[in-house]
Amino acid sequence: MLWLSEGGAKVSRMSEEVCPVLDRPERYEHSPQVLCKEGLLGSRGYWEVVCEGWVVIGAACESAGRKAKDGPCGLGENDLSWGVGWAGSCYHVWHNGENIEFQAPLCPTIGIYADQPAGIIKFFLVEDGENGSKETRQIHRFAASFKEKLFPGFWVGRNSYCWIRKKDQ
């Protein structure tokens, strides 16, 4: 149900129409989510995602489950993935099936910083300030042990979309 733009920078779900792509092991079976092709391994990275609608932004390790037989597969629903999303009146961050609420006004841009050597994932609200500056507010920080490649990921609800605005490694 997810549609990728040319170049793959934007993912959207504007209908229940199924995207005509072959079923492959790396595709999610029951969740409208997708991971980026490129990931981090033994390095640091930062990316910003602009969201519209009901979207969960996060990251997942390469071996995180993707099929029903693997157990919970949504971003943040297992010990190999993390996610953050707007819940209508606050933000929620998820990891290993647990969620934490964070009170803040809706912000369309989410920043994610992953530092594999230090074992850290941080989520930020990112707002454009005056004169082109950016103002960030940390939502949550997770300590993690990364032993494999980490990929940015996106869960996209109906009539919603998101795109990567910036990615630095």
C-alpha atoms as a PDB file:
ATOM      1  CA  MET A   1       0.000   0.000   0.000  1.00  0.00           C
ATOM      2  CA  LEU A   2       3.031   2.307   0.045  1.00  0.00           C
ATOM      3  CA  TRP A   3       4.154   4.225  -2.992  1.00  0.00           C
ATOM      4  CA  LEU A   4       7.722   5.487  -3.392  1.00  0.00           C
ATOM      5  CA  SER A   5       8.556   8.580  -5.426  1.00  0.00           C
ATOM      6  CA  GLU A   6      11.120   8.601  -8.212  1.00  0.00           C
ATOM      7  CA  GLY A   7      14.444   8.493  -6.431  1.00  0.00           C
ATOM      8  CA  GLY A   8      12.787   7.005  -3.351  1.00  0.00           C
ATOM      9  CA  ALA A   9      12.952  10.114  -1.129  1.00  0.00           C
ATOM     10  CA  LYS A  10       9.178  10.250  -0.514  1.00  0.00           C
ATOM     11  CA  VAL A  11       6.817   7.497   0.625  1.00  0.00           C
ATOM     12  CA  SER A  12       3.042   7.922   0.631  1.00  0.00           C
ATOM     13  CA  ARG A  13      -0.154   5.981   1.267  1.00  0.00           C
ATOM     14  CA  MET A  14      -3.059   7.757  -0.366  1.00  0.00           C
ATOM     15  CA  SER A  15      -5.378   4.787  -0.912  1.00  0.00           C
ATOM     16  CA  GLU A  16      -5.774   1.112  -0.097  1.00  0.00           C
ATOM     17  CA  GLU A  17      -4.513   0.223  -3.566  1.00  0.00           C
ATOM     18  CA  VAL A  18      -1.769  -2.394  -3.394  1.00  0.00           C
ATOM     19  CA  CYS A  19       1.517  -1.413  -4.996  1.00  0.00           C
ATOM     20  CA  PRO A  20       2.431  -3.907  -7.744  1.00  0.00           C
ATOM     21  CA  VAL A  21       5.719  -5.201  -6.328  1.00  0.00           C
ATOM     22  CA  LEU A  22       6.747  -8.813  -5.930  1.00  0.00           C
ATOM     23  CA  ASP A  23       6.680 -10.324  -2.451  1.00  0.00           C
ATOM     24  CA  ARG A  24      10.260 -10.647  -1.246  1.00  0.00           C
ATOM     25  CA  PRO A  25      11.763 -11.621   2.135  1.00  0.00           C
ATOM     26  CA  GLU A  26      12.743  -8.037   2.959  1.00  0.00           C
ATOM     27  CA  ARG A  27       9.199  -6.696   2.450  1.00  0.00           C
ATOM     28  CA  TYR A  28       6.896  -6.210   5.427  1.00  0.00           C
ATOM     29  CA  GLU A  29       3.977  -8.620   5.380  1.00  0.00           C
ATOM     30  CA  HIS A  30       1.277  -6.884   7.439  1.00  0.00           C
ATOM     31  CA  SER A  31       2.540  -3.373   8.118  1.00  0.00           C
ATOM     32  CA  PRO A  32       2.527  -0.342   5.812  1.00  0.00           C
ATOM     33  CA  GLN A  33       6.175   0.427   6.409  1.00  0.00           C
ATOM     34  CA  VAL A  34       9.400   0.507   4.468  1.00  0.00           C
ATOM     35  CA  LEU A  35      13.113   0.769   5.233  1.00  0.00           C
ATOM     36  CA  CYS A  36      15.674   2.747   3.256  1.00  0.00           C
ATOM     37  CA  LYS A  37      18.061   0.884   0.956  1.00  0.00           C
ATOM     38  CA  GLU A  38      21.099   2.406   2.620  1.00  0.00           C
ATOM     39  CA  GLY A  39      21.905   1.962   6.283  1.00  0.00           C
ATOM     40  CA  LEU A  40      24.582   2.642   8.856  1.00  0.00           C
ATOM     41  CA  LEU A  41      27.191   0.179  10.009  1.00  0.00           C
ATOM     42  CA  GLY A  42      29.760   1.184  12.615  1.00  0.00           C
ATOM     43  CA  SER A  43      29.234   4.891  11.988  1.00  0.00           C
ATOM     44  CA  ARG A  44      27.086   7.893  12.863  1.00  0.00           C
ATOM     45  CA  GLY A  45      24.228   9.334  10.856  1.00  0.00           C
ATOM     46  CA  TYR A  46      21.559  11.994  11.012  1.00  0.00           C
ATOM     47  CA  TRP A  47      18.425  12.352   8.922  1.00  0.00           C
ATOM     48  CA  GLU A  48      15.410  14.625   8.964  1.00  0.00           C
ATOM     49  CA  VAL A  49      11.964  13.516   7.857  1.00  0.00           C
ATOM     50  CA  VAL A  50       9.061  15.790   7.002  1.00  0.00           C
ATOM     51  CA  CYS A  51       5.710  14.176   7.870  1.00  0.00           C
ATOM     52  CA  GLU A  52       2.099  14.796   6.962  1.00  0.00           C
ATOM     53  CA  GLY A  53      -0.647  12.738   8.588  1.00  0.00           C
ATOM     54  CA  TRP A  54      -0.258   9.611  10.677  1.00  0.00           C
ATOM     55  CA  VAL A  55       3.381   8.554  10.338  1.00  0.00           C
ATOM     56  CA  VAL A  56       5.920   6.734  12.518  1.00  0.00           C
ATOM     57  CA  ILE A  57       9.563   7.532  11.832  1.00  0.00           C
ATOM     58  CA  GLY A  58      12.325   5.344  13.130  1.00  0.00           C
ATOM     59  CA  ALA A  59      15.053   2.849  12.476  1.00  0.00           C
ATOM     60  CA  ALA A  60      15.380  -0.924  12.388  1.00  0.00           C
ATOM     61  CA  CYS A  61      18.287  -3.328  12.441  1.00  0.00           C
ATOM     62  CA  GLU A  62      18.805  -5.508   9.405  1.00  0.00           C
ATOM     63  CA  SER A  63      17.532  -8.681  11.107  1.00  0.00           C
ATOM     64  CA  ALA A  64      14.384  -7.097  12.625  1.00  0.00           C
ATOM     65  CA  GLY A  65      11.344  -9.246  11.813  1.00  0.00           C
ATOM     66  CA  ARG A  66       9.179  -8.444   8.796  1.00  0.00           C
ATOM     67  CA  LYS A  67       6.733 -11.342   8.602  1.00  0.00           C
ATOM     68  CA  ALA A  68       3.955 -12.498  10.963  1.00  0.00           C
ATOM     69  CA  LYS A  69       5.974 -15.580  11.936  1.00  0.00           C
ATOM     70  CA  ASP A  70       8.677 -13.205  13.299  1.00  0.00           C
ATOM     71  CA  GLY A  71       6.358 -11.652  15.919  1.00  0.00           C
ATOM     72  CA  PRO A  72       5.710  -7.908  16.248  1.00  0.00           C
ATOM     73  CA  CYS A  73       7.268  -6.148  13.248  1.00  0.00           C
ATOM     74  CA  GLY A  74       6.190  -2.496  13.465  1.00  0.00           C
ATOM     75  CA  LEU A  75       8.802   0.161  14.177  1.00  0.00           C
ATOM     76  CA  GLY A  76       9.468   0.075  17.909  1.00  0.00           C
ATOM     77  CA  GLU A  77       7.456  -3.093  18.504  1.00  0.00           C
ATOM     78  CA  ASN A  78      10.541  -5.294  18.975  1.00  0.00           C
ATOM     79  CA  ASP A  79      14.033  -5.059  20.446  1.00  0.00           C
ATOM     80  CA  LEU A  80      15.610  -4.358  17.030  1.00  0.00           C
ATOM     81  CA  SER A  81      13.632  -1.243  16.101  1.00  0.00           C
ATOM     82  CA  TRP A  82      12.771   2.227  17.398  1.00  0.00           C
ATOM     83  CA  GLY A  83      10.048   4.656  16.365  1.00  0.00           C
ATOM     84  CA  VAL A  84       8.434   8.017  17.098  1.00  0.00           C
ATOM     85  CA  GLY A  85       5.076   9.358  15.957  1.00  0.00           C
ATOM     86  CA  TRP A  86       2.422  11.957  16.632  1.00  0.00           C
ATOM     87  CA  ALA A  87      -0.583  10.503  18.491  1.00  0.00           C
ATOM     88  CA  GLY A  88      -3.040  13.388  18.027  1.00  0.00           C
ATOM     89  CA  SER A  89      -2.193  15.266  21.211  1.00  0.00           C
ATOM     90  CA  CYS A  90       1.366  14.204  22.019  1.00  0.00           C
ATOM     91  CA  TYR A  91       4.297  12.216  20.665  1.00  0.00           C
ATOM     92  CA  HIS A  92       4.965   8.586  21.440  1.00  0.00           C
ATOM     93  CA  VAL A  93       8.329   6.860  21.174  1.00  0.00           C
ATOM     94  CA  TRP A  94       8.498   3.073  20.983  1.00  0.00           C
ATOM     95  CA  HIS A  95      11.100   0.398  21.529  1.00  0.00           C
ATOM     96  CA  ASN A  96      10.645  -3.298  22.301  1.00  0.00           C
ATOM     97  CA  GLY A  97       6.863  -2.913  22.486  1.00  0.00           C
ATOM     98  CA  GLU A  98       6.977  -0.229  25.178  1.00  0.00           C
ATOM     99  CA  ASN A  99       5.869   3.313  24.523  1.00  0.00           C
ATOM    100  CA  ILE A 100       6.722   6.582  26.214  1.00  0.00           C
ATOM    101  CA  GLU A 101       4.615   9.724  25.872  1.00  0.00           C
ATOM    102  CA  PHE A 102       6.238  13.100  25.211  1.00  0.00           C
ATOM    103  CA  GLN A 103       4.235  16.330  25.444  1.00  0.00           C
ATOM    104  CA  ALA A 104       5.057  18.814  22.684  1.00  0.00           C
ATOM    105  CA  PRO A 105       3.150  20.646  19.959  1.00  0.00           C
ATOM    106  CA  LEU A 106       2.950  19.037  16.530  1.00  0.00           C
ATOM    107  CA  CYS A 107       6.087  19.629  14.481  1.00  0.00           C
ATOM    108  CA  PRO A 108       6.226  18.439  10.858  1.00  0.00           C
ATOM    109  CA  THR A 109       9.956  17.621  10.893  1.00  0.00           C
ATOM    110  CA  ILE A 110      11.529  14.849  12.961  1.00  0.00           C
ATOM    111  CA  GLY A 111      15.296  14.436  13.262  1.00  0.00           C
ATOM    112  CA  ILE A 112      16.978  11.144  14.079  1.00  0.00           C
ATOM    113  CA  TYR A 113      20.595  10.802  15.153  1.00  0.00           C
ATOM    114  CA  ALA A 114      22.147   7.363  15.381  1.00  0.00           C
ATOM    115  CA  ASP A 115      25.633   6.805  16.755  1.00  0.00           C
ATOM    116  CA  GLN A 116      26.481   3.135  16.464  1.00  0.00           C
ATOM    117  CA  PRO A 117      29.915   3.276  18.140  1.00  0.00           C
ATOM    118  CA  ALA A 118      28.400   5.060  21.163  1.00  0.00           C
ATOM    119  CA  GLY A 119      25.203   2.951  21.127  1.00  0.00           C
ATOM    120  CA  ILE A 120      22.742   5.867  20.949  1.00  0.00           C
ATOM    121  CA  ILE A 121      19.587   6.750  19.007  1.00  0.00           C
ATOM    122  CA  LYS A 122      18.066  10.198  19.576  1.00  0.00           C
ATOM    123  CA  PHE A 123      14.800  11.643  18.251  1.00  0.00           C
ATOM    124  CA  PHE A 124      14.322  15.407  17.817  1.00  0.00           C
ATOM    125  CA  LEU A 125      11.643  17.891  16.809  1.00  0.00           C
ATOM    126  CA  VAL A 126      13.208  20.213  14.210  1.00  0.00           C
ATOM    127  CA  GLU A 127      11.839  23.681  13.500  1.00  0.00           C
ATOM    128  CA  ASP A 128      13.142  26.261  11.069  1.00  0.00           C
ATOM    129  CA  GLY A 129      14.251  29.327  12.954  1.00  0.00           C
ATOM    130  CA  GLU A 130      15.034  32.812  11.805  1.00  0.00           C
ATOM    131  CA  ASN A 131      17.753  33.402   9.178  1.00  0.00           C
ATOM    132  CA  GLY A 132      17.743  29.760   8.082  1.00  0.00           C
ATOM    133  CA  SER A 133      18.808  28.408  11.463  1.00  0.00           C
ATOM    134  CA  LYS A 134      17.285  25.266  12.959  1.00  0.00           C
ATOM    135  CA  GLU A 135      15.953  24.788  16.432  1.00  0.00           C
ATOM    136  CA  THR A 136      15.881  21.263  17.806  1.00  0.00           C
ATOM    137  CA  ARG A 137      14.215  19.777  20.854  1.00  0.00           C
ATOM    138  CA  GLN A 138      15.122  16.258  21.943  1.00  0.00           C
ATOM    139  CA  ILE A 139      12.116  13.965  22.323  1.00  0.00           C
ATOM    140  CA  HIS A 140      13.922  10.898  23.603  1.00  0.00           C
ATOM    141  CA  ARG A 141      17.256   9.122  23.731  1.00  0.00           C
ATOM    142  CA  PHE A 142      17.708   5.344  23.649  1.00  0.00           C
ATOM    143  CA  ALA A 143      20.823   3.428  24.585  1.00  0.00           C
ATOM    144  CA  ALA A 144      21.308   0.505  22.222  1.00  0.00           C
ATOM    145  CA  SER A 145      23.824  -2.106  21.264  1.00  0.00           C
ATOM    146  CA  PHE A 146      24.254  -2.245  17.499  1.00  0.00           C
ATOM    147  CA  LYS A 147      25.847  -5.323  16.046  1.00  0.00           C
ATOM    148  CA  GLU A 148      24.445  -4.998  12.522  1.00  0.00           C
ATOM    149  CA  LYS A 149      23.360  -2.471   9.913  1.00  0.00           C
ATOM    150  CA  LEU A 150      20.728   0.070  11.000  1.00  0.00           C
ATOM    151  CA  PHE A 151      18.197   1.394   8.449  1.00  0.00           C
ATOM    152  CA  PRO A 152      15.919   4.449   8.575  1.00  0.00           C
ATOM    153  CA  GLY A 153      12.285   3.306   8.488  1.00  0.00           C
ATOM    154  CA  PHE A 154       8.816   4.727   7.913  1.00  0.00           C
ATOM    155  CA  TRP A 155       5.352   3.487   8.855  1.00  0.00           C
ATOM    156  CA  VAL A 156       2.718   5.417   6.911  1.00  0.00           C
ATOM    157  CA  GLY A 157      -0.993   5.590   7.735  1.00  0.00           C
ATOM    158  CA  ARG A 158      -3.828   6.200   5.278  1.00  0.00           C
ATOM    159  CA  ASN A 159      -3.775   9.574   3.460  1.00  0.00           C
ATOM    160  CA  SER A 160      -0.304  10.321   4.819  1.00  0.00           C
ATOM    161  CA  TYR A 161       3.208  10.763   3.500  1.00  0.00           C
ATOM    162  CA  CYS A 162       6.760  11.587   4.540  1.00  0.00           C
ATOM    163  CA  TRP A 163      10.046  12.339   2.870  1.00  0.00           C
ATOM    164  CA  ILE A 164      13.680  12.591   3.868  1.00  0.00           C
ATOM    165  CA  ARG A 165      14.695  16.236   3.863  1.00  0.00           C
ATOM    166  CA  LYS A 166      18.309  15.739   4.770  1.00  0.00           C
ATOM    167  CA  LYS A 167      20.632  12.862   5.452  1.00  0.00           C
ATOM    168  CA  ASP A 168      24.251  13.200   6.525  1.00  0.00           C
ATOM    169  CA  GLN A 169      26.614  10.421   7.432  1.00  0.00           C
END
